[in-house]
Amino acid sequence: MNKRKPNTSTDSKLDNDEKMVRDLTQKWLSGWDIGDRPFDARVFRPLFAPGKNNIEVFDNVQGDVIVIRDVDTYIATWGTFMEPLQHWSVRLDDLNVQVSGDIAFTTFKLVGTDTLGPDGKEIPFGQYGTHVWRKLPDLGWRIVHEHLTIYDISK
C-alpha cells in the first residue's frame, strides 16, 4: 500500500518557488548563452536585487576575482568584458535548487566555449557557480549573491 503523504499547501508553495528559481536560473543562463548575438548585459537587471550594496558578486575570471556590489556595476563590468568575443556558448550542468522560506540557493557547473580575436580560436571554459536568491516583497526572487570559480574542464 502506498503511504505517500498528501501534498500540503506548504509543499506546493515550495515546489512552485523551486520551479520559479529554476526558471529564473535558466533566464540568467540565456543572458550568457548568446551564440553569435551581441551581448546585452541589461537582461540581468530584473534578476538581481536593485540598489547599491544589495548584492555580493565574487566571480573568478582569467585568474582575477571581480567583486561587484550592485547591478549597475555588474552590467557595466560584463558588458565591457564580453565586447571582444565573437561567439559565446554556455550550458548549465548539475543544477541543484534548494528553497527555504524567502531564501533559495542554486549550485551548478557553467560549461562552454568562447571564440576570441581575429583568428577565431575556440577556448573551452568551465566554472562552478552558486547563486543565493531572496524573495523580495513586490519583486519576487532576485539574486543577492553570485560566486563563479573557474575549474579545469580537461579533468
C-alpha atoms as a PDB file:
ATOM      1  CA  MET A   1       0.000   0.000   0.000  1.00  0.00           C
ATOM      2  CA  ASN A   2       1.294   3.464  -0.905  1.00  0.00           C
ATOM      3  CA  LYS A   3       1.814   5.513   2.261  1.00  0.00           C
ATOM      4  CA  ARG A   4       2.816   8.692   0.454  1.00  0.00           C
ATOM      5  CA  LYS A   5       1.817  11.815   2.361  1.00  0.00           C
ATOM      6  CA  PRO A   6      -0.641  14.122   0.633  1.00  0.00           C
ATOM      7  CA  ASN A   7       0.815  17.289  -0.854  1.00  0.00           C
ATOM      8  CA  THR A   8       0.218  20.131   1.600  1.00  0.00           C
ATOM      9  CA  SER A   9      -0.075  23.797   0.649  1.00  0.00           C
ATOM     10  CA  THR A  10       3.422  24.365   2.119  1.00  0.00           C
ATOM     11  CA  ASP A  11       4.869  21.598  -0.076  1.00  0.00           C
ATOM     12  CA  SER A  12       3.080  23.050  -3.082  1.00  0.00           C
ATOM     13  CA  LYS A  13       4.441  26.550  -2.347  1.00  0.00           C
ATOM     14  CA  LEU A  14       7.980  25.172  -2.055  1.00  0.00           C
ATOM     15  CA  ASP A  15       7.565  23.261  -5.327  1.00  0.00           C
ATOM     16  CA  ASN A  16       6.323  26.448  -7.009  1.00  0.00           C
ATOM     17  CA  ASP A  17       9.197  28.520  -5.555  1.00  0.00           C
ATOM     18  CA  GLU A  18      11.719  25.900  -6.646  1.00  0.00           C
ATOM     19  CA  LYS A  19      10.281  25.969 -10.164  1.00  0.00           C
ATOM     20  CA  MET A  20      10.412  29.768 -10.219  1.00  0.00           C
ATOM     21  CA  VAL A  21      14.070  29.844  -9.093  1.00  0.00           C
ATOM     22  CA  ARG A  22      14.920  27.118 -11.612  1.00  0.00           C
ATOM     23  CA  ASP A  23      13.218  29.132 -14.407  1.00  0.00           C
ATOM     24  CA  LEU A  24      14.989  32.338 -13.339  1.00  0.00           C
ATOM     25  CA  THR A  25      18.309  30.487 -13.362  1.00  0.00           C
ATOM     26  CA  GLN A  26      17.580  29.485 -16.966  1.00  0.00           C
ATOM     27  CA  LYS A  27      16.863  33.167 -17.759  1.00  0.00           C
ATOM     28  CA  TRP A  28      20.234  34.062 -16.228  1.00  0.00           C
ATOM     29  CA  LEU A  29      21.850  31.401 -18.436  1.00  0.00           C
ATOM     30  CA  SER A  30      20.103  32.685 -21.564  1.00  0.00           C
ATOM     31  CA  GLY A  31      21.679  36.085 -20.919  1.00  0.00           C
ATOM     32  CA  TRP A  32      25.097  34.432 -21.181  1.00  0.00           C
ATOM     33  CA  ASP A  33      24.368  31.860 -23.900  1.00  0.00           C
ATOM     34  CA  ILE A  34      24.374  34.363 -26.749  1.00  0.00           C
ATOM     35  CA  GLY A  35      25.943  32.352 -29.555  1.00  0.00           C
ATOM     36  CA  ASP A  36      26.678  34.912 -32.278  1.00  0.00           C
ATOM     37  CA  ARG A  37      24.245  37.577 -30.995  1.00  0.00           C
ATOM     38  CA  PRO A  38      25.592  40.784 -29.432  1.00  0.00           C
ATOM     39  CA  PHE A  39      25.854  40.529 -25.663  1.00  0.00           C
ATOM     40  CA  ASP A  40      23.420  42.744 -23.753  1.00  0.00           C
ATOM     41  CA  ALA A  41      24.101  42.691 -20.008  1.00  0.00           C
ATOM     42  CA  ARG A  42      20.933  44.691 -19.325  1.00  0.00           C
ATOM     43  CA  VAL A  43      18.989  41.398 -19.428  1.00  0.00           C
ATOM     44  CA  PHE A  44      20.387  40.704 -15.942  1.00  0.00           C
ATOM     45  CA  ARG A  45      18.778  43.771 -14.315  1.00  0.00           C
ATOM     46  CA  PRO A  46      15.455  42.057 -13.414  1.00  0.00           C
ATOM     47  CA  LEU A  47      17.313  39.048 -11.981  1.00  0.00           C
ATOM     48  CA  PHE A  48      19.396  40.876  -9.348  1.00  0.00           C
ATOM     49  CA  ALA A  49      18.333  42.798  -6.256  1.00  0.00           C
ATOM     50  CA  PRO A  50      18.189  46.523  -7.078  1.00  0.00           C
ATOM     51  CA  GLY A  51      20.115  49.313  -5.354  1.00  0.00           C
ATOM     52  CA  LYS A  52      23.625  49.904  -4.072  1.00  0.00           C
ATOM     53  CA  ASN A  53      25.276  47.296  -1.845  1.00  0.00           C
ATOM     54  CA  ASN A  54      22.329  44.897  -2.202  1.00  0.00           C
ATOM     55  CA  ILE A  55      24.285  42.171  -3.977  1.00  0.00           C
ATOM     56  CA  GLU A  56      27.630  40.446  -3.431  1.00  0.00           C
ATOM     57  CA  VAL A  57      29.307  39.045  -6.530  1.00  0.00           C
ATOM     58  CA  PHE A  58      32.628  37.214  -6.493  1.00  0.00           C
ATOM     59  CA  ASP A  59      33.475  35.989  -9.983  1.00  0.00           C
ATOM     60  CA  ASN A  60      36.794  34.365 -10.853  1.00  0.00           C
ATOM     61  CA  VAL A  61      37.705  35.275 -14.427  1.00  0.00           C
ATOM     62  CA  GLN A  62      41.065  34.840 -16.138  1.00  0.00           C
ATOM     63  CA  GLY A  63      42.818  34.414 -12.797  1.00  0.00           C
ATOM     64  CA  ASP A  64      41.322  37.540 -11.212  1.00  0.00           C
ATOM     65  CA  VAL A  65      38.449  37.851  -8.768  1.00  0.00           C
ATOM     66  CA  ILE A  66      35.911  40.501  -9.672  1.00  0.00           C
ATOM     67  CA  VAL A  67      33.933  41.909  -6.728  1.00  0.00           C
ATOM     68  CA  ILE A  68      30.662  43.667  -7.544  1.00  0.00           C
ATOM     69  CA  ARG A  69      28.071  45.092  -5.138  1.00  0.00           C
ATOM     70  CA  ASP A  70      25.312  46.485  -7.367  1.00  0.00           C
ATOM     71  CA  VAL A  71      23.525  45.510 -10.556  1.00  0.00           C
ATOM     72  CA  ASP A  72      24.649  48.619 -12.497  1.00  0.00           C
ATOM     73  CA  THR A  73      28.307  47.673 -11.943  1.00  0.00           C
ATOM     74  CA  TYR A  74      27.502  44.064 -12.887  1.00  0.00           C
ATOM     75  CA  ILE A  75      26.022  45.243 -16.193  1.00  0.00           C
ATOM     76  CA  ALA A  76      28.917  47.620 -16.936  1.00  0.00           C
ATOM     77  CA  THR A  77      31.606  45.081 -15.982  1.00  0.00           C
ATOM     78  CA  TRP A  78      30.258  42.195 -18.015  1.00  0.00           C
ATOM     79  CA  GLY A  79      29.228  44.377 -20.960  1.00  0.00           C
ATOM     80  CA  THR A  80      32.839  45.534 -21.320  1.00  0.00           C
ATOM     81  CA  PHE A  81      34.293  42.058 -20.750  1.00  0.00           C
ATOM     82  CA  MET A  82      32.094  40.374 -23.358  1.00  0.00           C
ATOM     83  CA  GLU A  83      32.523  43.032 -26.068  1.00  0.00           C
ATOM     84  CA  PRO A  84      35.537  41.456 -27.890  1.00  0.00           C
ATOM     85  CA  LEU A  85      34.038  37.958 -28.007  1.00  0.00           C
ATOM     86  CA  GLN A  86      32.818  36.761 -31.394  1.00  0.00           C
ATOM     87  CA  HIS A  87      30.913  33.732 -30.115  1.00  0.00           C
ATOM     88  CA  TRP A  88      29.925  32.594 -26.629  1.00  0.00           C
ATOM     89  CA  SER A  89      28.098  29.355 -25.941  1.00  0.00           C
ATOM     90  CA  VAL A  90      27.344  28.018 -22.454  1.00  0.00           C
ATOM     91  CA  ARG A  91      25.149  25.482 -20.699  1.00  0.00           C
ATOM     92  CA  LEU A  92      24.353  24.573 -17.099  1.00  0.00           C
ATOM     93  CA  ASP A  93      25.259  21.141 -15.789  1.00  0.00           C
ATOM     94  CA  ASP A  94      24.318  19.652 -12.413  1.00  0.00           C
ATOM     95  CA  LEU A  95      21.798  22.350 -11.470  1.00  0.00           C
ATOM     96  CA  ASN A  96      20.703  21.992  -7.843  1.00  0.00           C
ATOM     97  CA  VAL A  97      17.976  24.204  -6.332  1.00  0.00           C
ATOM     98  CA  GLN A  98      17.169  24.441  -2.619  1.00  0.00           C
ATOM     99  CA  VAL A  99      14.430  26.680  -1.179  1.00  0.00           C
ATOM    100  CA  SER A 100      13.651  27.561   2.427  1.00  0.00           C
ATOM    101  CA  GLY A 101      11.170  30.350   3.074  1.00  0.00           C
ATOM    102  CA  ASP A 102      12.298  33.538   1.315  1.00  0.00           C
ATOM    103  CA  ILE A 103      15.859  32.255   0.694  1.00  0.00           C
ATOM    104  CA  ALA A 104      16.996  29.889  -2.044  1.00  0.00           C
ATOM    105  CA  PHE A 105      20.302  28.813  -3.475  1.00  0.00           C
ATOM    106  CA  THR A 106      21.398  27.238  -6.700  1.00  0.00           C
ATOM    107  CA  THR A 107      24.617  25.430  -7.448  1.00  0.00           C
ATOM    108  CA  PHE A 108      25.719  24.477 -10.934  1.00  0.00           C
ATOM    109  CA  LYS A 109      28.532  24.000 -13.404  1.00  0.00           C
ATOM    110  CA  LEU A 110      28.757  26.519 -16.225  1.00  0.00           C
ATOM    111  CA  VAL A 111      30.408  24.870 -19.243  1.00  0.00           C
ATOM    112  CA  GLY A 112      31.042  26.325 -22.659  1.00  0.00           C
ATOM    113  CA  THR A 113      33.285  27.770 -25.327  1.00  0.00           C
ATOM    114  CA  ASP A 114      34.154  31.227 -26.457  1.00  0.00           C
ATOM    115  CA  THR A 115      35.678  32.431 -29.689  1.00  0.00           C
ATOM    116  CA  LEU A 116      38.064  35.325 -29.341  1.00  0.00           C
ATOM    117  CA  GLY A 117      40.028  37.518 -31.706  1.00  0.00           C
ATOM    118  CA  PRO A 118      40.570  37.608 -35.446  1.00  0.00           C
ATOM    119  CA  ASP A 119      41.942  34.038 -35.615  1.00  0.00           C
ATOM    120  CA  GLY A 120      38.626  32.731 -34.247  1.00  0.00           C
ATOM    121  CA  LYS A 121      40.365  30.487 -31.720  1.00  0.00           C
ATOM    122  CA  GLU A 122      37.823  28.480 -29.714  1.00  0.00           C
ATOM    123  CA  ILE A 123      38.539  28.390 -25.989  1.00  0.00           C
ATOM    124  CA  PRO A 124      36.709  25.914 -23.722  1.00  0.00           C
ATOM    125  CA  PHE A 125      35.940  27.002 -20.164  1.00  0.00           C
ATOM    126  CA  GLY A 126      34.204  25.802 -17.032  1.00  0.00           C
ATOM    127  CA  GLN A 127      33.069  27.464 -13.837  1.00  0.00           C
ATOM    128  CA  TYR A 128      31.431  26.257 -10.652  1.00  0.00           C
ATOM    129  CA  GLY A 129      28.591  28.581  -9.724  1.00  0.00           C
ATOM    130  CA  THR A 130      26.473  29.449  -6.725  1.00  0.00           C
ATOM    131  CA  HIS A 131      23.587  31.893  -6.568  1.00  0.00           C
ATOM    132  CA  VAL A 132      21.775  32.919  -3.421  1.00  0.00           C
ATOM    133  CA  TRP A 133      18.270  34.180  -4.131  1.00  0.00           C
ATOM    134  CA  ARG A 134      15.997  36.206  -1.872  1.00  0.00           C
ATOM    135  CA  LYS A 135      12.267  36.598  -2.338  1.00  0.00           C
ATOM    136  CA  LEU A 136      11.767  40.360  -2.096  1.00  0.00           C
ATOM    137  CA  PRO A 137       8.382  41.987  -1.411  1.00  0.00           C
ATOM    138  CA  ASP A 138       6.762  43.190  -4.657  1.00  0.00           C
ATOM    139  CA  LEU A 139       9.777  41.981  -6.715  1.00  0.00           C
ATOM    140  CA  GLY A 140       9.844  38.224  -6.284  1.00  0.00           C
ATOM    141  CA  TRP A 141      13.008  36.141  -6.438  1.00  0.00           C
ATOM    142  CA  ARG A 142      16.224  38.109  -7.009  1.00  0.00           C
ATOM    143  CA  ILE A 143      19.903  37.161  -6.898  1.00  0.00           C
ATOM    144  CA  VAL A 144      21.640  38.665  -3.863  1.00  0.00           C
ATOM    145  CA  HIS A 145      24.876  36.685  -4.148  1.00  0.00           C
ATOM    146  CA  GLU A 146      26.811  35.162  -7.043  1.00  0.00           C
ATOM    147  CA  HIS A 147      30.053  33.239  -6.896  1.00  0.00           C
ATOM    148  CA  LEU A 148      31.700  31.784 -10.002  1.00  0.00           C
ATOM    149  CA  THR A 149      35.029  29.938  -9.809  1.00  0.00           C
ATOM    150  CA  ILE A 150      36.988  28.613 -12.774  1.00  0.00           C
ATOM    151  CA  TYR A 151      37.712  24.891 -12.931  1.00  0.00           C
ATOM    152  CA  ASP A 152      39.816  22.816 -15.321  1.00  0.00           C
ATOM    153  CA  ILE A 153      37.364  21.160 -17.701  1.00  0.00           C
ATOM    154  CA  SER A 154      40.013  18.808 -19.092  1.00  0.00           C
ATOM    155  CA  LYS A 155      39.823  16.719 -15.889  1.00  0.00           C
END
